[in-house]
Amino acid sequence: MKKRSYLGFAAAVAVALPGTAYAQEESDAASGAWEVNASIAAFSDYRFRGVSLSGKDPEITAEVSVSHESGFYAGTWLSNVDLGDGADDVEVDISAGFATDIGGASIDIGAIYYLYPGNDDFNYVEFAGSIGTSIGPAAVTVGVAYAPSQDALGNVDNTYVYMSGEVPIAGTPIALHGTFGYEDGGFADNKKDWLIGASFDMGAGFTATLDYVDSAHSLTSLGDATAVFSISKSF
């Protein structure tokens, strides 16, 4: 049970987390049209695909990413965790990929390396892809994440598939969102998780989010239903 996407949607509709792009110096823009995104956020719990990775304690995150007009991007995301077994209570995700629009669809493919300083046995790599489109005012995304057999997974592969959606409420700073995911493999056998919530654009780069998160699992109480509140700031 580990991270990113904050349930694949949250720490994107999360989830979690994209910031507002700001331009590099003119000399950099002229040579490649690079953009930098940054954000910080606080959550009442770190739920990853329905399961708490912070021991149900609050989570603080920070993210920085760079992207090129060609579609290539890379970034780093950090968070506190509570995994025990000698881990230093920090998760560092390093990601890279390519995103582009084809017709009316948004395509994103990439990889994430999950690092847990203090215990290399937790480290693993995952490959992910998604396709999104608009249906009326709503944005809908379908994605899959695949982690090949590795020590951190007990030498078994892991697959997570999900569908997420977001729809703004016209005339208000509020948007509704939700995610349903299914996971099978090294982290969980036949696990289902879901999230439904709302976000509030507070202006000046601040966003507040309230989510209901739950999972059908045979793991631990760390996957029990809960409400997760977050507030993020984009730069």
Protein backbone atom coordinates (compact mmCIF):
# COMPACT_ATOMS: atom_id res chain seq x y z
CA MET A 1 0.00 0.00 0.00
CA LYS A 2 1.76 3.10 -1.05
CA LYS A 3 1.43 6.26 -3.02
CA ARG A 4 0.80 8.72 -5.60
CA SER A 5 -2.17 10.14 -7.06
CA TYR A 6 -3.64 10.32 -3.64
CA LEU A 7 -6.07 7.65 -4.56
CA GLY A 8 -5.11 8.25 -8.09
CA PHE A 9 -7.27 11.33 -8.19
CA ALA A 10 -7.01 13.16 -4.98
CA ALA A 11 -3.35 14.08 -4.74
CA ALA A 12 -4.54 14.86 -8.02
CA VAL A 13 -7.93 15.93 -7.50
CA ALA A 14 -6.47 15.52 -4.43
CA VAL A 15 -4.96 14.35 -6.11
CA ALA A 16 -2.95 16.70 -4.00
CA LEU A 17 -1.55 19.01 -5.54
CA PRO A 18 -0.82 20.47 -8.93
CA GLY A 19 0.29 24.06 -8.69
CA THR A 20 -0.22 27.04 -10.93
CA ALA A 21 2.51 27.30 -13.53
CA TYR A 22 4.75 30.31 -13.64
CA ALA A 23 7.09 31.22 -16.46
CA GLN A 24 10.85 30.88 -16.24
CA GLU A 25 13.10 33.77 -17.14
CA GLU A 26 12.64 34.99 -20.69
CA SER A 27 15.93 33.47 -21.79
CA ASP A 28 14.82 30.04 -20.60
CA ALA A 29 11.38 30.40 -22.19
CA ALA A 30 12.89 31.38 -25.51
CA SER A 31 15.11 28.32 -25.54
CA GLY A 32 12.52 25.73 -24.58
CA ALA A 33 9.28 27.08 -23.07
CA TRP A 34 9.77 25.43 -19.72
CA GLU A 35 7.30 25.86 -16.87
CA VAL A 36 7.66 25.23 -13.15
CA ASN A 37 4.83 24.16 -10.83
CA ALA A 38 5.03 24.08 -7.04
CA SER A 39 2.60 23.43 -4.21
CA ILE A 40 2.37 22.64 -0.53
CA ALA A 41 -0.57 21.00 1.22
CA ALA A 42 -1.81 19.73 4.58
CA PHE A 43 -4.18 16.76 4.96
CA SER A 44 -5.92 15.37 8.01
CA ASP A 45 -4.81 11.88 6.88
CA TYR A 46 -2.60 10.44 4.13
CA ARG A 47 -4.93 8.08 2.29
CA PHE A 48 -3.36 6.29 -0.67
CA ARG A 49 -5.85 4.22 -2.65
CA GLY A 50 -8.09 4.06 0.39
CA VAL A 51 -5.46 3.08 2.97
CA SER A 52 -3.77 5.39 5.48
CA LEU A 53 0.00 5.61 5.10
CA SER A 54 0.36 8.07 7.98
CA GLY A 55 -1.14 5.91 10.70
CA LYS A 56 -4.28 8.09 10.45
CA ASP A 57 -2.21 11.11 11.49
CA PRO A 58 -2.06 14.40 9.54
CA GLU A 59 0.04 14.67 6.40
CA ILE A 60 2.16 17.54 5.06
CA THR A 61 3.24 17.48 1.42
CA ALA A 62 5.39 19.54 -0.93
CA GLU A 63 5.76 19.20 -4.68
CA VAL A 64 7.90 20.76 -7.41
CA SER A 65 7.68 19.84 -11.10
CA VAL A 66 9.00 21.10 -14.41
CA SER A 67 7.37 20.62 -17.79
CA HIS A 68 8.26 21.38 -21.38
CA GLU A 69 5.92 22.52 -24.13
CA SER A 70 6.68 19.25 -25.93
CA GLY A 71 4.80 17.37 -23.19
CA PHE A 72 7.70 15.95 -21.20
CA TYR A 73 7.67 16.56 -17.45
CA ALA A 74 9.47 15.55 -14.26
CA GLY A 75 8.92 16.24 -10.60
CA THR A 76 9.49 15.42 -6.95
CA TRP A 77 6.84 14.99 -4.26
CA LEU A 78 7.51 14.63 -0.51
CA SER A 79 5.33 13.57 2.40
CA ASN A 80 5.51 12.27 5.93
CA VAL A 81 4.50 8.63 6.38
CA ASP A 82 4.18 6.11 9.21
CA LEU A 83 5.26 2.74 7.84
CA GLY A 84 7.34 1.47 10.75
CA ASP A 85 10.07 -1.13 10.26
CA GLY A 86 12.88 1.42 10.44
CA ALA A 87 11.64 3.80 7.76
CA ASP A 88 12.51 7.43 8.46
CA ASP A 89 8.91 8.61 8.21
CA VAL A 90 9.49 10.30 4.85
CA GLU A 91 8.32 9.38 1.37
CA VAL A 92 9.99 10.88 -1.69
CA ASP A 93 8.38 10.28 -5.09
CA ILE A 94 10.37 11.00 -8.23
CA SER A 95 8.31 11.03 -11.41
CA ALA A 96 8.77 11.61 -15.12
CA GLY A 97 6.52 11.21 -18.13
CA PHE A 98 4.90 12.61 -21.22
CA ALA A 99 1.48 14.25 -21.50
CA THR A 100 -0.29 15.47 -24.62
CA ASP A 101 -3.71 16.13 -26.13
CA ILE A 102 -4.95 14.06 -29.04
CA GLY A 103 -8.24 15.21 -30.42
CA GLY A 104 -10.54 15.60 -27.45
CA ALA A 105 -8.50 13.33 -25.18
CA SER A 106 -5.64 14.01 -22.77
CA ILE A 107 -3.00 11.25 -22.68
CA ASP A 108 -0.46 10.85 -19.87
CA ILE A 109 2.17 8.11 -19.54
CA GLY A 110 4.99 7.98 -17.04
CA ALA A 111 6.76 6.33 -14.14
CA ILE A 112 7.13 6.99 -10.42
CA TYR A 113 9.96 5.84 -8.17
CA TYR A 114 8.81 5.66 -4.54
CA LEU A 115 11.68 6.17 -2.08
CA TYR A 116 11.61 5.67 1.70
CA PRO A 117 14.88 6.93 3.23
CA GLY A 118 16.08 4.72 6.03
CA ASN A 119 14.76 1.47 4.61
CA ASP A 120 15.52 0.63 0.97
CA ASP A 121 13.32 -2.46 1.28
CA PHE A 122 10.29 -0.18 0.83
CA ASN A 123 11.49 1.38 -2.45
CA TYR A 124 9.73 0.42 -5.67
CA VAL A 125 8.94 1.69 -9.16
CA GLU A 126 5.53 1.93 -10.82
CA PHE A 127 4.49 2.70 -14.40
CA ALA A 128 1.25 4.55 -15.09
CA GLY A 129 -0.95 5.72 -17.92
CA SER A 130 -4.24 7.57 -18.17
CA ILE A 131 -6.64 9.03 -20.69
CA GLY A 132 -9.05 11.82 -19.93
CA THR A 133 -11.80 13.64 -21.75
CA SER A 134 -14.68 16.06 -21.17
CA ILE A 135 -18.31 15.00 -21.01
CA GLY A 136 -20.32 18.18 -20.89
CA PRO A 137 -18.96 20.23 -17.97
CA ALA A 138 -17.36 17.16 -16.37
CA ALA A 139 -13.78 15.92 -16.76
CA VAL A 140 -13.44 12.12 -16.69
CA THR A 141 -10.21 10.12 -16.45
CA VAL A 142 -9.50 6.39 -16.67
CA GLY A 143 -6.07 5.15 -15.67
CA VAL A 144 -3.91 2.20 -14.72
CA ALA A 145 -0.75 1.85 -12.63
CA TYR A 146 1.43 -1.24 -12.88
CA ALA A 147 4.31 -2.18 -10.60
CA PRO A 148 6.36 -5.14 -11.81
CA SER A 149 7.54 -7.79 -9.36
CA GLN A 150 9.97 -6.27 -6.85
CA ASP A 151 11.26 -6.97 -3.34
CA ALA A 152 9.00 -4.28 -1.84
CA LEU A 153 5.98 -6.11 -3.28
CA GLY A 154 7.04 -9.52 -2.01
CA ASN A 155 8.26 -10.36 -5.52
CA VAL A 156 4.72 -10.17 -6.90
CA ASP A 157 3.48 -7.59 -9.40
CA ASN A 158 0.69 -5.14 -8.61
CA THR A 159 -2.00 -3.53 -10.77
CA TYR A 160 -4.28 -0.62 -9.90
CA VAL A 161 -7.02 0.63 -12.23
CA TYR A 162 -9.27 3.58 -11.55
CA MET A 163 -11.88 5.95 -12.93
CA SER A 164 -12.20 9.50 -11.67
CA GLY A 165 -14.31 12.51 -12.47
CA GLU A 166 -14.71 16.15 -11.57
CA VAL A 167 -17.52 18.60 -12.32
CA PRO A 168 -17.67 22.27 -11.35
CA ILE A 169 -20.84 23.77 -9.92
CA ALA A 170 -21.62 26.61 -12.31
CA GLY A 171 -21.38 30.08 -10.84
CA THR A 172 -19.56 28.93 -7.69
CA PRO A 173 -15.95 28.23 -6.66
CA ILE A 174 -16.97 24.66 -5.78
CA ALA A 175 -16.27 21.49 -7.77
CA LEU A 176 -17.40 17.93 -7.00
CA HIS A 177 -15.12 14.97 -7.62
CA GLY A 178 -14.89 11.22 -7.11
CA THR A 179 -12.75 8.16 -7.77
CA PHE A 180 -13.29 4.42 -7.81
CA GLY A 181 -10.29 2.09 -7.89
CA TYR A 182 -9.51 -1.62 -7.97
CA GLU A 183 -6.17 -3.08 -6.90
CA ASP A 184 -4.76 -6.59 -7.12
CA GLY A 185 -1.29 -7.97 -6.54
CA GLY A 186 1.58 -7.31 -4.17
CA PHE A 187 -0.12 -4.62 -2.05
CA ALA A 188 -3.66 -5.97 -1.87
CA ASP A 189 -5.72 -8.78 -3.35
CA ASN A 190 -8.99 -7.71 -4.96
CA LYS A 191 -9.14 -4.44 -3.01
CA LYS A 192 -11.64 -1.75 -3.96
CA ASP A 193 -11.51 1.86 -2.84
CA TRP A 194 -13.54 4.96 -3.50
CA LEU A 195 -13.55 8.65 -2.77
CA ILE A 196 -16.17 11.35 -3.14
CA GLY A 197 -15.77 14.97 -2.19
CA ALA A 198 -15.75 18.64 -3.02
CA SER A 199 -13.11 21.29 -3.48
CA PHE A 200 -13.40 25.02 -2.85
CA ASP A 201 -11.25 27.53 -4.73
CA MET A 202 -10.36 30.11 -2.10
CA GLY A 203 -8.41 32.34 -4.48
CA ALA A 204 -4.76 33.41 -4.36
CA GLY A 205 -3.73 29.82 -5.12
CA PHE A 206 -5.46 28.30 -2.08
CA THR A 207 -7.83 25.33 -2.37
CA ALA A 208 -9.74 23.54 0.40
CA THR A 209 -10.99 19.98 -0.09
CA LEU A 210 -13.23 17.66 1.91
CA ASP A 211 -13.38 13.97 0.90
CA TYR A 212 -15.11 10.84 2.11
CA VAL A 213 -12.70 7.92 1.63
CA ASP A 214 -13.42 4.21 2.08
CA SER A 215 -12.26 0.79 0.90
CA ALA A 216 -13.46 -2.79 0.74
CA HIS A 217 -10.44 -4.65 2.00
CA SER A 218 -9.06 -7.43 4.14
CA LEU A 219 -6.04 -5.46 5.31
CA THR A 220 -6.21 -3.48 8.54
CA SER A 221 -8.30 -0.74 10.11
CA LEU A 222 -6.08 1.71 8.20
CA GLY A 223 -8.52 1.30 5.32
CA ASP A 224 -11.67 2.10 7.31
CA ALA A 225 -13.98 4.88 6.15
CA THR A 226 -12.99 8.41 7.07
CA ALA A 227 -13.32 12.05 6.11
CA VAL A 228 -10.16 13.77 4.89
CA PHE A 229 -9.83 17.54 4.94
CA SER A 230 -7.04 19.31 3.09
CA ILE A 231 -5.86 22.78 2.22
CA SER A 232 -3.27 23.46 -0.47
CA LYS A 233 -1.38 26.43 -1.84
CA SER A 234 -0.09 26.63 -5.40
CA PHE A 235 2.76 28.88 -6.47
